[in-house]
Amino acid sequence: MKNLLTCLALAALALPALAAPAAADAASAPAAKKAPTAQQTKMKSCNADAKAKDLKGDERKAFMKTCLSTSKQEKQHDKMTSCNADAKTKDLKGDERKAFMKECLSNKPA
């Protein structure tokens, strides 16, 4: 009976020590920041530009729309350039080239 009580007492003392590292990991997880996404970085940059230009209201809204959509235009331009280069490398002509370009441009970027 003494051994059982001794074991229970030791287990009760050891339990908080075992739980402390897990609690520390859980507390530090939300504190650790994830790297910002490309969209978040772009938003931060556009906001800084709008603030530097002291834009307000509709002017700011129009500027932000243009600023944030620029990356989409750049991506489409890059995709078109890449697809054209691939078509040229494969020496495609006529209908084959049209079909290839249609498929290439419709694919989602990797």
Protein backbone atom coordinates (compact mmCIF):
# COMPACT_ATOMS: atom_id res chain seq x y z
CA MET A 1 0.00 0.00 0.00
CA LYS A 2 2.90 2.38 0.80
CA ASN A 3 4.43 1.66 -2.61
CA LEU A 4 1.15 2.47 -4.35
CA LEU A 5 0.80 5.79 -2.49
CA THR A 6 4.43 6.64 -3.21
CA CYS A 7 3.97 5.92 -6.92
CA LEU A 8 0.82 8.03 -7.08
CA ALA A 9 2.52 10.91 -5.29
CA LEU A 10 5.50 10.79 -7.67
CA ALA A 11 3.19 10.62 -10.68
CA ALA A 12 1.24 13.63 -9.41
CA LEU A 13 4.48 15.59 -9.00
CA ALA A 14 5.81 14.58 -12.42
CA LEU A 15 2.59 15.35 -14.32
CA PRO A 16 2.92 19.17 -14.26
CA ALA A 17 6.56 18.90 -15.33
CA LEU A 18 5.57 16.78 -18.33
CA ALA A 19 2.69 19.08 -19.27
CA ALA A 20 4.80 22.28 -19.09
CA PRO A 21 6.78 21.72 -22.33
CA ALA A 22 3.59 20.95 -24.26
CA ALA A 23 1.96 24.10 -22.91
CA ALA A 24 5.05 26.12 -23.86
CA ASP A 25 4.92 24.77 -27.42
CA ALA A 26 1.22 25.57 -27.72
CA ALA A 27 1.79 29.09 -26.42
CA SER A 28 4.67 29.77 -28.81
CA ALA A 29 2.87 28.42 -31.90
CA PRO A 30 0.51 31.40 -32.33
CA ALA A 31 3.35 33.78 -31.53
CA ALA A 32 5.47 32.42 -34.38
CA LYS A 33 4.53 34.38 -37.50
CA LYS A 34 4.18 32.80 -40.91
CA ALA A 35 5.92 34.39 -43.85
CA PRO A 36 3.55 36.75 -45.68
CA THR A 37 2.07 35.53 -48.94
CA ALA A 38 2.79 37.28 -52.24
CA GLN A 39 -0.66 38.91 -52.11
CA GLN A 40 -0.06 40.19 -48.58
CA THR A 41 3.30 41.60 -49.62
CA LYS A 42 1.74 43.29 -52.65
CA MET A 43 -1.08 44.73 -50.49
CA LYS A 44 1.45 46.13 -48.01
CA SER A 45 3.44 47.73 -50.83
CA CYS A 46 0.37 49.25 -52.47
CA ASN A 47 -0.88 50.58 -49.13
CA ALA A 48 2.49 52.21 -48.48
CA ASP A 49 2.46 53.80 -51.95
CA ALA A 50 -1.10 55.12 -51.45
CA LYS A 51 -0.15 56.55 -48.07
CA ALA A 52 2.98 58.19 -49.50
CA LYS A 53 0.84 59.82 -52.21
CA ASP A 54 -1.67 60.88 -49.51
CA LEU A 55 -4.59 59.41 -51.47
CA LYS A 56 -8.06 59.30 -49.92
CA GLY A 57 -11.52 58.07 -50.85
CA ASP A 58 -12.23 57.23 -54.48
CA GLU A 59 -8.71 58.18 -55.60
CA ARG A 60 -7.22 55.70 -53.14
CA LYS A 61 -9.70 52.99 -54.15
CA ALA A 62 -8.88 53.44 -57.85
CA PHE A 63 -5.15 53.46 -57.14
CA MET A 64 -5.35 50.29 -55.02
CA LYS A 65 -7.38 48.50 -57.70
CA THR A 66 -4.80 49.36 -60.35
CA CYS A 67 -1.85 48.59 -58.10
CA LEU A 68 -3.15 45.19 -57.02
CA SER A 69 -4.23 44.12 -60.50
CA THR A 70 -0.81 44.88 -61.98
CA SER A 71 0.53 41.55 -60.77
CA LYS A 72 -2.23 39.69 -62.62
CA GLN A 73 -1.30 41.47 -65.83
CA GLU A 74 2.37 40.68 -65.30
CA LYS A 75 1.57 37.01 -64.67
CA GLN A 76 -0.49 36.79 -67.86
CA HIS A 77 2.29 38.49 -69.83
CA ASP A 78 4.88 36.09 -68.41
CA LYS A 79 2.63 33.13 -69.21
CA MET A 80 2.14 34.32 -72.79
CA THR A 81 5.90 34.75 -73.23
CA SER A 82 6.57 31.28 -71.84
CA CYS A 83 3.91 29.61 -74.00
CA ASN A 84 5.18 31.40 -77.12
CA ALA A 85 8.72 30.22 -76.39
CA ASP A 86 7.51 26.64 -75.88
CA ALA A 87 5.55 26.73 -79.14
CA LYS A 88 8.59 28.06 -80.99
CA THR A 89 10.83 25.38 -79.45
CA LYS A 90 8.39 22.68 -80.58
CA ASP A 91 8.24 24.34 -84.02
CA LEU A 92 4.43 24.34 -84.04
CA LYS A 93 2.53 25.99 -86.87
CA GLY A 94 -1.11 26.69 -87.76
CA ASP A 95 -3.83 24.74 -86.00
CA GLU A 96 -1.33 22.77 -83.89
CA ARG A 97 0.10 26.03 -82.55
CA LYS A 98 -3.36 27.45 -81.84
CA ALA A 99 -4.38 24.32 -79.94
CA PHE A 100 -1.12 24.30 -78.00
CA MET A 101 -1.40 28.00 -77.09
CA LYS A 102 -5.02 27.59 -75.99
CA GLU A 103 -4.11 24.70 -73.70
CA CYS A 104 -0.93 26.34 -72.41
CA LEU A 105 -2.64 29.64 -71.57
CA SER A 106 -5.62 27.95 -69.90
CA ASN A 107 -3.47 25.89 -67.52
CA LYS A 108 -3.12 27.16 -63.99
CA PRO A 109 0.38 28.36 -63.02
CA ALA A 110 2.44 25.89 -61.01
